[in-house]
Amino acid sequence: MNTTIEFFAHESAFVDENVTVGKGTKIWHFSHIMPQTEIGDNCVIGQNCSIGPAVKIGRQCKIQNNVSIYKGVELEDGVFCGPSMVFTNVNNPRAFIERKSEFRKTLVKKGASIGANCTIVCGHTVGAYSFIGAGAVVTRNVPDYALMLGVPAKVSGWVCACGIILTREVFPVTEKIIVCPECHAGYRHHSTGFQPQTSTSESSR
């Protein structure tokens, strides 16, 4: 195992050589971290997880029980992966045909939450602070702050960075500023998507 900073790994976990694990990270029962994998500071890797090879995970991520993160998947900081959710890495797998050269990249951006038993089909980007509802199947790129529900998953509303559902309108009126009742952050729907309102004075009206 290759690391220069302190982390915790349960005695039943396997952490292979050529792995970097950040300070304060915890790796729990029966999990396996494979070579060339990088895990940031203060992450939690739950029970029976398989990560790697050559996977990059940012800081403060939480990977719940029974999640496999394969080569081609990257998690930015603060990503939540719910229990038994699934990433794929090949679009047309066959047991009798090796397609390792065809792995498709999946990027999960900062602060996104992926609910229990979701499936993220490879080759897509899951937007920053988006929220994928339990059991959803993602088959396309996910916008930032989007609430995604269903099979296949569709934009069903918008969420705050703190996780509160702001609206179940798919396209809110563009001049309307929506303020989170929990943290009071303001948001507006622009032509480029649902984004935080940068003007503090305007969002407090």
Protein backbone atom coordinates (compact mmCIF):
# COMPACT_ATOMS: atom_id res chain seq x y z
CA MET A 1 0.00 0.00 0.00
CA ASN A 2 1.27 3.44 -0.95
CA THR A 3 0.25 6.31 1.30
CA THR A 4 1.92 9.12 3.19
CA ILE A 5 -0.98 10.23 5.40
CA GLU A 6 -3.15 8.59 8.00
CA PHE A 7 -6.45 6.87 7.26
CA PHE A 8 -8.43 3.99 8.73
CA ALA A 9 -9.01 0.65 7.01
CA HIS A 10 -10.88 -2.16 8.76
CA GLU A 11 -8.84 -5.34 9.14
CA SER A 12 -11.13 -7.15 6.67
CA ALA A 13 -10.59 -4.52 3.93
CA PHE A 14 -8.01 -4.93 1.14
CA VAL A 15 -6.03 -1.87 0.06
CA ASP A 16 -3.68 -2.80 -2.78
CA GLU A 17 -0.24 -1.39 -3.62
CA ASN A 18 -0.01 1.89 -5.55
CA VAL A 19 -3.10 3.37 -3.90
CA THR A 20 -3.32 6.88 -2.42
CA VAL A 21 -5.81 7.41 0.42
CA GLY A 22 -6.36 10.82 2.00
CA LYS A 23 -6.15 11.80 5.64
CA GLY A 24 -9.20 10.99 7.74
CA THR A 25 -10.72 8.59 5.22
CA LYS A 26 -12.39 5.43 6.58
CA ILE A 27 -12.63 2.15 4.66
CA TRP A 28 -15.01 -0.37 6.20
CA HIS A 29 -15.59 -4.14 6.25
CA PHE A 30 -14.77 -6.31 3.21
CA SER A 31 -14.09 -3.40 0.83
CA HIS A 32 -11.39 -3.61 -1.84
CA ILE A 33 -9.38 -0.63 -3.15
CA MET A 34 -7.49 -1.56 -6.34
CA PRO A 35 -4.22 -0.20 -7.80
CA GLN A 36 -3.79 3.32 -9.20
CA THR A 37 -6.84 4.52 -7.27
CA GLU A 38 -6.79 7.94 -5.59
CA ILE A 39 -9.16 8.71 -2.71
CA GLY A 40 -9.24 12.19 -1.15
CA ASP A 41 -9.37 13.33 2.46
CA ASN A 42 -12.24 12.60 4.84
CA CYS A 43 -14.11 10.10 2.67
CA VAL A 44 -16.20 7.21 3.97
CA ILE A 45 -16.12 3.93 2.05
CA GLY A 46 -18.85 1.63 3.38
CA GLN A 47 -19.05 -2.12 3.67
CA ASN A 48 -18.48 -4.43 0.68
CA CYS A 49 -17.40 -1.73 -1.79
CA SER A 50 -15.10 -2.34 -4.75
CA ILE A 51 -13.18 0.65 -6.11
CA GLY A 52 -10.77 0.71 -9.04
CA PRO A 53 -8.50 0.15 -10.66
CA ALA A 54 -7.43 3.69 -11.63
CA VAL A 55 -10.43 5.46 -10.10
CA LYS A 56 -10.25 9.02 -8.78
CA ILE A 57 -12.44 10.07 -5.84
CA GLY A 58 -12.37 13.60 -4.42
CA ARG A 59 -12.57 14.87 -0.86
CA GLN A 60 -15.47 14.30 1.57
CA CYS A 61 -17.24 11.69 -0.56
CA LYS A 62 -19.51 9.08 1.02
CA ILE A 63 -19.73 5.71 -0.71
CA GLN A 64 -22.41 3.62 0.99
CA ASN A 65 -22.56 -0.18 1.29
CA ASN A 66 -22.37 -2.46 -1.77
CA VAL A 67 -21.22 0.13 -4.31
CA SER A 68 -18.70 -0.69 -7.07
CA ILE A 69 -16.82 2.16 -8.75
CA TYR A 70 -15.10 0.94 -11.89
CA LYS A 71 -12.31 2.23 -14.06
CA GLY A 72 -13.61 5.17 -16.08
CA VAL A 73 -15.62 6.67 -13.21
CA GLU A 74 -14.49 9.87 -11.47
CA LEU A 75 -16.12 11.48 -8.44
CA GLU A 76 -15.40 15.12 -7.62
CA ASP A 77 -15.54 16.47 -4.05
CA GLY A 78 -18.55 15.91 -1.82
CA VAL A 79 -20.31 13.21 -3.85
CA PHE A 80 -22.81 10.89 -2.12
CA CYS A 81 -23.37 7.39 -3.53
CA GLY A 82 -26.35 5.65 -1.89
CA PRO A 83 -26.47 1.97 -0.94
CA SER A 84 -26.28 -0.52 -3.81
CA MET A 85 -26.30 2.10 -6.56
CA VAL A 86 -24.58 1.00 -9.77
CA PHE A 87 -22.12 2.51 -12.24
CA THR A 88 -21.63 0.80 -15.60
CA ASN A 89 -18.59 1.23 -17.83
CA VAL A 90 -19.50 -0.60 -21.07
CA ASN A 91 -22.66 0.05 -23.10
CA ASN A 92 -22.97 -3.35 -24.78
CA PRO A 93 -21.39 -5.99 -22.51
CA ARG A 94 -21.07 -9.63 -23.46
CA ALA A 95 -19.53 -12.24 -21.17
CA PHE A 96 -17.68 -13.80 -24.12
CA ILE A 97 -16.32 -10.54 -25.67
CA GLU A 98 -13.71 -8.42 -23.87
CA ARG A 99 -14.40 -4.70 -24.27
CA LYS A 100 -12.01 -3.14 -21.76
CA SER A 101 -10.74 -0.81 -24.49
CA GLU A 102 -14.29 0.54 -24.86
CA PHE A 103 -14.83 1.79 -21.29
CA ARG A 104 -16.75 5.08 -21.32
CA LYS A 105 -15.93 7.86 -18.88
CA THR A 106 -18.50 8.87 -16.26
CA LEU A 107 -17.96 12.09 -14.31
CA VAL A 108 -19.93 12.88 -11.16
CA LYS A 109 -19.46 16.54 -10.35
CA LYS A 110 -19.08 18.29 -7.02
CA GLY A 111 -21.80 17.85 -4.42
CA ALA A 112 -24.03 15.48 -6.41
CA SER A 113 -26.15 12.90 -4.56
CA ILE A 114 -27.04 9.55 -6.11
CA GLY A 115 -29.85 7.70 -4.33
CA ALA A 116 -30.07 4.06 -3.29
CA ASN A 117 -30.36 1.48 -6.08
CA CYS A 118 -29.81 4.00 -8.89
CA THR A 119 -28.05 3.02 -12.10
CA ILE A 120 -25.75 5.49 -13.87
CA VAL A 121 -25.22 4.34 -17.46
CA CYS A 122 -21.66 5.07 -18.54
CA GLY A 123 -20.53 7.89 -20.80
CA HIS A 124 -22.46 10.67 -19.05
CA THR A 125 -21.84 13.57 -16.67
CA VAL A 126 -23.85 13.93 -13.47
CA GLY A 127 -24.06 17.67 -12.79
CA ALA A 128 -22.89 19.54 -9.71
CA TYR A 129 -25.29 19.41 -6.72
CA SER A 130 -27.80 17.38 -8.71
CA PHE A 131 -29.99 14.86 -6.88
CA ILE A 132 -30.74 11.46 -8.40
CA GLY A 133 -33.82 9.95 -6.72
CA ALA A 134 -33.77 6.38 -5.41
CA GLY A 135 -34.07 3.74 -8.12
CA ALA A 136 -33.65 6.14 -11.04
CA VAL A 137 -31.79 5.08 -14.19
CA VAL A 138 -29.63 7.85 -15.69
CA THR A 139 -29.21 7.50 -19.46
CA ARG A 140 -28.21 11.08 -20.37
CA ASN A 141 -26.19 14.00 -19.03
CA VAL A 142 -27.63 15.52 -15.85
CA PRO A 143 -27.74 19.34 -15.47
CA ASP A 144 -26.33 21.05 -12.39
CA TYR A 145 -28.86 21.26 -9.50
CA ALA A 146 -31.35 18.99 -11.32
CA LEU A 147 -33.73 16.64 -9.53
CA MET A 148 -33.78 13.43 -11.59
CA LEU A 149 -36.54 10.86 -11.12
CA GLY A 150 -37.80 7.81 -12.96
CA VAL A 151 -36.80 5.15 -15.47
CA PRO A 152 -35.29 6.53 -17.57
CA ALA A 153 -34.53 9.50 -15.30
CA LYS A 154 -35.87 12.90 -16.35
CA VAL A 155 -35.47 16.39 -14.93
CA SER A 156 -38.33 16.67 -12.44
CA GLY A 157 -37.35 19.85 -10.62
CA TRP A 158 -34.40 21.67 -9.07
CA VAL A 159 -32.57 21.39 -5.76
CA CYS A 160 -30.44 23.67 -3.60
CA ALA A 161 -26.79 22.91 -2.89
CA CYS A 162 -27.92 22.06 0.65
CA GLY A 163 -30.24 19.32 -0.72
CA ILE A 164 -33.64 20.98 -0.30
CA ILE A 165 -36.03 20.61 -3.27
CA LEU A 166 -36.70 24.15 -4.51
CA THR A 167 -39.28 23.52 -7.21
CA ARG A 168 -40.81 20.68 -9.19
CA GLU A 169 -41.18 22.95 -12.21
CA VAL A 170 -38.86 21.81 -14.97
CA PHE A 171 -38.42 25.32 -16.38
CA PRO A 172 -39.18 28.01 -13.78
CA VAL A 173 -39.98 31.51 -15.03
CA THR A 174 -36.59 33.01 -15.84
CA GLU A 175 -37.13 36.30 -14.02
CA LYS A 176 -38.29 34.55 -10.86
CA ILE A 177 -35.69 34.10 -8.13
CA ILE A 178 -36.24 31.01 -6.00
CA VAL A 179 -34.90 31.23 -2.44
CA CYS A 180 -34.10 28.13 -0.42
CA PRO A 181 -36.20 28.08 2.79
CA GLU A 182 -33.39 26.27 4.61
CA CYS A 183 -30.14 28.11 3.77
CA HIS A 184 -31.65 31.17 1.97
CA ALA A 185 -29.49 30.80 -1.15
CA GLY A 186 -31.11 32.26 -4.27
CA TYR A 187 -31.38 30.58 -7.68
CA ARG A 188 -32.60 31.51 -11.15
CA HIS A 189 -33.18 29.56 -14.35
CA HIS A 190 -30.92 30.94 -17.10
CA SER A 191 -30.53 29.92 -20.71
CA THR A 192 -27.53 27.88 -19.58
CA GLY A 193 -29.44 26.11 -16.80
CA PHE A 194 -30.46 26.49 -13.18
CA GLN A 195 -27.76 28.43 -11.35
CA PRO A 196 -27.15 30.33 -8.09
CA GLN A 197 -28.18 33.98 -8.13
CA THR A 198 -24.97 35.98 -7.81
CA SER A 199 -26.58 39.25 -6.71
CA THR A 200 -27.21 39.07 -2.94
CA SER A 201 -29.33 42.21 -2.93
CA GLU A 202 -31.56 40.92 -5.75
CA SER A 203 -32.06 37.48 -4.22
CA SER A 204 -33.13 39.00 -0.91
CA ARG A 205 -36.04 40.96 -2.34
